[in-house]
C-alpha atoms as a PDB file:
ATOM      1  CA  MET A   1      12.478   6.182  59.652  1.00  0.00           C
ATOM      2  CA  GLU A   2      14.658  10.056  58.732  1.00  0.00           C
ATOM      3  CA  GLN A   3      12.200  12.968  59.381  1.00  0.00           C
ATOM      4  CA  LYS A   4      11.747  14.993  56.151  1.00  0.00           C
ATOM      5  CA  PRO A   5      10.971  18.812  55.707  1.00  0.00           C
ATOM      6  CA  VAL A   6       7.556  19.553  54.817  1.00  0.00           C
ATOM      7  CA  TYR A   7       6.528  22.042  52.199  1.00  0.00           C
ATOM      8  CA  VAL A   8       2.808  23.689  51.883  1.00  0.00           C
ATOM      9  CA  PHE A   9       1.450  24.699  48.613  1.00  0.00           C
ATOM     10  CA  ALA A  10      -1.644  25.799  48.499  1.00  0.00           C
ATOM     11  CA  LYS A  11      -3.052  28.294  46.082  1.00  0.00           C
ATOM     12  CA  TRP A  12      -5.950  30.562  46.641  1.00  0.00           C
ATOM     13  CA  LEU A  13      -8.622  32.036  44.822  1.00  0.00           C
ATOM     14  CA  VAL A  14     -10.373  34.971  46.228  1.00  0.00           C
ATOM     15  CA  LYS A  15     -13.541  36.267  46.131  1.00  0.00           C
ATOM     16  CA  GLU A  16     -13.898  39.259  44.431  1.00  0.00           C
ATOM     17  CA  GLY A  17     -13.106  42.716  46.405  1.00  0.00           C
ATOM     18  CA  LYS A  18     -12.409  40.392  49.653  1.00  0.00           C
ATOM     19  CA  ILE A  19      -8.383  40.231  48.157  1.00  0.00           C
ATOM     20  CA  ALA A  20      -7.239  43.121  50.974  1.00  0.00           C
ATOM     21  CA  LEU A  21      -9.408  41.825  53.512  1.00  0.00           C
ATOM     22  CA  VAL A  22      -7.953  38.593  53.144  1.00  0.00           C
ATOM     23  CA  LEU A  23      -3.963  39.607  52.206  1.00  0.00           C
ATOM     24  CA  ASN A  24      -4.412  41.802  55.809  1.00  0.00           C
ATOM     25  CA  LEU A  25      -5.889  38.207  58.002  1.00  0.00           C
ATOM     26  CA  LEU A  26      -2.526  37.062  56.084  1.00  0.00           C
ATOM     27  CA  ALA A  27       0.041  39.125  57.781  1.00  0.00           C
ATOM     28  CA  GLU A  28      -1.541  38.136  60.861  1.00  0.00           C
ATOM     29  CA  VAL A  29      -1.439  34.688  59.811  1.00  0.00           C
ATOM     30  CA  ALA A  30       1.972  34.777  59.251  1.00  0.00           C
ATOM     31  CA  LYS A  31       3.658  36.806  62.050  1.00  0.00           C
ATOM     32  CA  LYS A  32       2.273  33.726  64.135  1.00  0.00           C
ATOM     33  CA  SER A  33       2.697  30.776  61.817  1.00  0.00           C
ATOM     34  CA  THR A  34       6.638  32.207  62.109  1.00  0.00           C
ATOM     35  CA  GLN A  35       6.950  31.654  65.546  1.00  0.00           C
ATOM     36  CA  GLU A  36       6.019  28.193  65.472  1.00  0.00           C
ATOM     37  CA  LYS A  37       8.817  25.719  66.735  1.00  0.00           C
ATOM     38  CA  GLY A  38       8.178  23.635  63.597  1.00  0.00           C
ATOM     39  CA  ASN A  39       8.088  26.863  60.773  1.00  0.00           C
ATOM     40  CA  LEU A  40      10.979  27.258  58.188  1.00  0.00           C
ATOM     41  CA  PHE A  41       9.494  29.231  56.455  1.00  0.00           C
ATOM     42  CA  TYR A  42       5.960  31.250  55.162  1.00  0.00           C
ATOM     43  CA  LYS A  43       5.779  32.930  52.356  1.00  0.00           C
ATOM     44  CA  ILE A  44       3.015  34.894  50.422  1.00  0.00           C
ATOM     45  CA  HIS A  45       3.042  35.391  46.854  1.00  0.00           C
ATOM     46  CA  GLN A  46       0.368  37.544  44.614  1.00  0.00           C
ATOM     47  CA  SER A  47      -0.124  36.667  41.120  1.00  0.00           C
ATOM     48  CA  ASN A  48       1.001  38.931  38.664  1.00  0.00           C
ATOM     49  CA  SER A  49      -1.718  38.650  36.195  1.00  0.00           C
ATOM     50  CA  GLU A  50      -4.436  37.453  37.848  1.00  0.00           C
ATOM     51  CA  PRO A  51      -4.453  39.493  41.581  1.00  0.00           C
ATOM     52  CA  ASN A  52      -7.016  37.952  43.311  1.00  0.00           C
ATOM     53  CA  THR A  53      -4.542  34.311  43.194  1.00  0.00           C
ATOM     54  CA  LEU A  54      -2.876  33.519  46.153  1.00  0.00           C
ATOM     55  CA  ILE A  55      -0.174  31.199  46.220  1.00  0.00           C
ATOM     56  CA  LEU A  56       1.694  30.691  49.799  1.00  0.00           C
ATOM     57  CA  PHE A  57       4.958  28.148  50.475  1.00  0.00           C
ATOM     58  CA  GLU A  58       5.413  27.093  53.171  1.00  0.00           C
ATOM     59  CA  GLY A  59       8.081  25.109  55.540  1.00  0.00           C
ATOM     60  CA  TYR A  60       8.103  22.959  58.382  1.00  0.00           C
ATOM     61  CA  THR A  61      10.005  20.729  59.328  1.00  0.00           C
ATOM     62  CA  ASP A  62       8.179  17.434  59.687  1.00  0.00           C
ATOM     63  CA  GLU A  63       4.594  16.104  59.183  1.00  0.00           C
ATOM     64  CA  ALA A  64       3.672  16.861  62.684  1.00  0.00           C
ATOM     65  CA  ALA A  65       4.635  20.528  62.657  1.00  0.00           C
ATOM     66  CA  VAL A  66       1.668  20.454  59.711  1.00  0.00           C
ATOM     67  CA  ASP A  67      -0.434  19.124  62.151  1.00  0.00           C
ATOM     68  CA  GLU A  68       0.645  21.445  64.818  1.00  0.00           C
ATOM     69  CA  HIS A  69       0.376  23.855  62.532  1.00  0.00           C
ATOM     70  CA  ARG A  70      -3.255  23.205  60.898  1.00  0.00           C
ATOM     71  CA  ASN A  71      -4.528  22.688  65.399  1.00  0.00           C
ATOM     72  CA  SER A  72      -3.040  25.697  66.122  1.00  0.00           C
ATOM     73  CA  ALA A  73      -6.276  28.903  67.763  1.00  0.00           C
ATOM     74  CA  HIS A  74      -4.558  31.098  65.105  1.00  0.00           C
ATOM     75  CA  PHE A  75      -5.199  28.804  61.451  1.00  0.00           C
ATOM     76  CA  GLN A  76      -8.831  28.013  63.386  1.00  0.00           C
ATOM     77  CA  ASN A  77     -10.069  30.687  63.352  1.00  0.00           C
ATOM     78  CA  LEU A  78      -8.293  32.609  60.903  1.00  0.00           C
ATOM     79  CA  VAL A  79      -7.404  30.600  58.157  1.00  0.00           C
ATOM     80  CA  ILE A  80     -11.037  28.105  58.620  1.00  0.00           C
ATOM     81  CA  GLY A  81     -12.764  30.822  60.778  1.00  0.00           C
ATOM     82  CA  THR A  82     -12.542  33.627  58.998  1.00  0.00           C
ATOM     83  CA  ILE A  83     -10.041  33.789  55.520  1.00  0.00           C
ATOM     84  CA  ILE A  84     -11.989  30.370  54.232  1.00  0.00           C
ATOM     85  CA  PRO A  85     -15.394  31.778  54.202  1.00  0.00           C
ATOM     86  CA  ASN A  86     -14.022  34.634  51.456  1.00  0.00           C
ATOM     87  CA  LEU A  87     -12.334  31.708  48.872  1.00  0.00           C
ATOM     88  CA  GLU A  88     -13.858  31.182  45.568  1.00  0.00           C
ATOM     89  CA  ASN A  89     -11.373  27.961  45.695  1.00  0.00           C
ATOM     90  CA  ARG A  90      -8.537  26.488  47.465  1.00  0.00           C
ATOM     91  CA  GLU A  91      -6.503  23.779  47.385  1.00  0.00           C
ATOM     92  CA  VAL A  92      -3.514  22.265  48.634  1.00  0.00           C
ATOM     93  CA  ILE A  93      -0.759  19.532  48.024  1.00  0.00           C
ATOM     94  CA  LEU A  94       1.690  18.897  50.775  1.00  0.00           C
ATOM     95  CA  ALA A  95       5.338  17.639  49.104  1.00  0.00           C
ATOM     96  CA  SER A  96       8.773  16.727  50.197  1.00  0.00           C
ATOM     97  CA  GLN A  97      12.123  18.121  48.645  1.00  0.00           C
ATOM     98  CA  VAL A  98      13.047  15.040  45.553  1.00  0.00           C
ATOM     99  CA  ASN A  99      16.939  15.148  46.163  1.00  0.00           C
ATOM    100  CA  PHE A 100      19.234  13.521  44.059  1.00  0.00           C
ATOM    101  CA  ASP A 101      22.335  11.958  45.806  1.00  0.00           C
END
């Protein structure tokens, strides 16, 4: 079976007063994540109308690369250990591109 790239779409609602902290931590997460062998890109967006809403768009070579990312020390320490406690809500969708060949 062909390995397809996997894309992660994450929507985070940051607790009031914590956006600067979360963005600062995300800068380090993004730097370390883009150095991972299976990472294609790691992009962070902030809502224009809801500044406490962040959208992360990440690309990985395959599902194994996503698992490797989620098990990495920086993900466990920074995202799970420090960022998530500062979120009101977190939604994550893993998706593969639909091709109409």
